C-alpha atoms as a PDB file:
ATOM      1  CA  MET A   1     204.614  17.761 372.093  1.00  0.00           C
ATOM      2  CA  LYS A   2     201.010  18.132 371.039  1.00  0.00           C
ATOM      3  CA  VAL A   3     199.048  15.357 369.360  1.00  0.00           C
ATOM      4  CA  ILE A   4     196.090  15.911 367.042  1.00  0.00           C
ATOM      5  CA  THR A   5     194.066  12.862 366.060  1.00  0.00           C
ATOM      6  CA  LEU A   6     191.379  12.772 363.364  1.00  0.00           C
ATOM      7  CA  THR A   7     189.152   9.721 363.350  1.00  0.00           C
ATOM      8  CA  SER A   8     185.808   8.754 361.889  1.00  0.00           C
ATOM      9  CA  TRP A   9     184.322   5.481 360.710  1.00  0.00           C
ATOM     10  CA  ILE A  10     182.188   7.288 358.146  1.00  0.00           C
ATOM     11  CA  GLY A  11     183.674   7.242 354.647  1.00  0.00           C
ATOM     12  CA  GLY A  12     183.889  10.537 352.781  1.00  0.00           C
ATOM     13  CA  SER A  13     184.031  12.623 355.946  1.00  0.00           C
ATOM     14  CA  GLY A  14     187.169  14.515 354.846  1.00  0.00           C
ATOM     15  CA  ARG A  15     189.713  12.988 357.245  1.00  0.00           C
ATOM     16  CA  THR A  16     192.521  12.727 354.699  1.00  0.00           C
ATOM     17  CA  THR A  17     191.937  16.197 353.246  1.00  0.00           C
ATOM     18  CA  LEU A  18     191.742  17.776 356.696  1.00  0.00           C
ATOM     19  CA  THR A  19     194.833  15.883 357.870  1.00  0.00           C
ATOM     20  CA  ALA A  20     196.836  17.059 354.848  1.00  0.00           C
ATOM     21  CA  ALA A  21     195.665  20.660 355.299  1.00  0.00           C
ATOM     22  CA  LEU A  22     196.495  20.692 359.015  1.00  0.00           C
ATOM     23  CA  ALA A  23     199.892  19.038 358.485  1.00  0.00           C
ATOM     24  CA  SER A  24     200.774  21.546 355.765  1.00  0.00           C
ATOM     25  CA  ALA A  25     199.632  24.548 357.802  1.00  0.00           C
ATOM     26  CA  ILE A  26     201.480  23.440 360.938  1.00  0.00           C
ATOM     27  CA  SER A  27     204.621  22.693 358.906  1.00  0.00           C
ATOM     28  CA  ARG A  28     204.488  26.110 357.200  1.00  0.00           C
ATOM     29  CA  ASN A  29     204.534  27.654 360.679  1.00  0.00           C
ATOM     30  CA  GLY A  30     207.875  25.969 361.370  1.00  0.00           C
ATOM     31  CA  MET A  31     206.683  23.145 363.591  1.00  0.00           C
ATOM     32  CA  PRO A  32     207.667  19.517 362.964  1.00  0.00           C
ATOM     33  CA  VAL A  33     204.845  17.268 361.767  1.00  0.00           C
ATOM     34  CA  LEU A  34     204.378  13.520 361.561  1.00  0.00           C
ATOM     35  CA  ALA A  35     201.264  12.623 359.556  1.00  0.00           C
ATOM     36  CA  VAL A  36     200.304   8.949 359.780  1.00  0.00           C
ATOM     37  CA  GLU A  37     197.817   7.328 357.402  1.00  0.00           C
ATOM     38  CA  ALA A  38     196.020   4.198 358.592  1.00  0.00           C
ATOM     39  CA  ASP A  39     193.565   4.087 355.686  1.00  0.00           C
ATOM     40  CA  PRO A  40     194.457   1.251 353.275  1.00  0.00           C
ATOM     41  CA  ASP A  41     194.036   3.617 350.298  1.00  0.00           C
ATOM     42  CA  ASN A  42     197.156   5.569 351.410  1.00  0.00           C
ATOM     43  CA  LEU A  43     195.846   8.741 349.749  1.00  0.00           C
ATOM     44  CA  LEU A  44     197.505  11.073 352.273  1.00  0.00           C
ATOM     45  CA  ALA A  45     200.748  10.522 350.352  1.00  0.00           C
ATOM     46  CA  ILE A  46     199.127  12.001 347.214  1.00  0.00           C
ATOM     47  CA  HIS A  47     197.737  14.954 349.169  1.00  0.00           C
ATOM     48  CA  LEU A  48     201.258  15.638 350.428  1.00  0.00           C
ATOM     49  CA  GLY A  49     202.872  15.501 346.986  1.00  0.00           C
ATOM     50  CA  ALA A  50     203.659  11.872 346.091  1.00  0.00           C
ATOM     51  CA  ASP A  51     203.040  10.873 342.475  1.00  0.00           C
ATOM     52  CA  THR A  52     201.364   7.612 343.467  1.00  0.00           C
ATOM     53  CA  PRO A  53     200.364   6.194 346.849  1.00  0.00           C
ATOM     54  CA  PRO A  54     202.669   3.568 348.313  1.00  0.00           C
ATOM     55  CA  SER A  55     201.526   0.017 347.608  1.00  0.00           C
ATOM     56  CA  ASP A  56     202.096  -0.933 351.220  1.00  0.00           C
ATOM     57  CA  GLY A  57     201.681   1.129 354.328  1.00  0.00           C
ATOM     58  CA  LEU A  58     200.705   1.153 357.970  1.00  0.00           C
ATOM     59  CA  GLY A  59     197.431  -0.747 357.510  1.00  0.00           C
ATOM     60  CA  PRO A  60     198.918  -3.885 355.909  1.00  0.00           C
ATOM     61  CA  ALA A  61     201.876  -3.729 358.292  1.00  0.00           C
ATOM     62  CA  LEU A  62     199.590  -3.696 361.335  1.00  0.00           C
ATOM     63  CA  LEU A  63     197.473  -6.523 359.975  1.00  0.00           C
ATOM     64  CA  SER A  64     200.483  -8.699 359.172  1.00  0.00           C
ATOM     65  CA  ASN A  65     202.628  -7.796 362.211  1.00  0.00           C
ATOM     66  CA  ARG A  66     205.440  -6.714 359.855  1.00  0.00           C
ATOM     67  CA  LEU A  67     207.119  -3.456 358.972  1.00  0.00           C
ATOM     68  CA  PRO A  68     205.910  -1.917 355.664  1.00  0.00           C
ATOM     69  CA  SER A  69     209.198  -2.820 353.974  1.00  0.00           C
ATOM     70  CA  GLN A  70     208.723  -6.464 355.040  1.00  0.00           C
ATOM     71  CA  ALA A  71     205.046  -6.815 354.037  1.00  0.00           C
ATOM     72  CA  PRO A  72     204.367  -9.133 351.085  1.00  0.00           C
END
């Protein structure tokens, strides 16, 4: 299993767009992909086809020590 990580503290650096493009390209080549969004905006979901971003996600779950489905 290979792991690709994209990180940057600078806003507007293209992390979400690049992550979505890489995930789509790798998936189109028949490889399984798990794309994880830690940004509280949850915009990766929109890039990957969701109508609206989820109201909860990994960020709030990590901050509250709860699973996303259990976060307030």
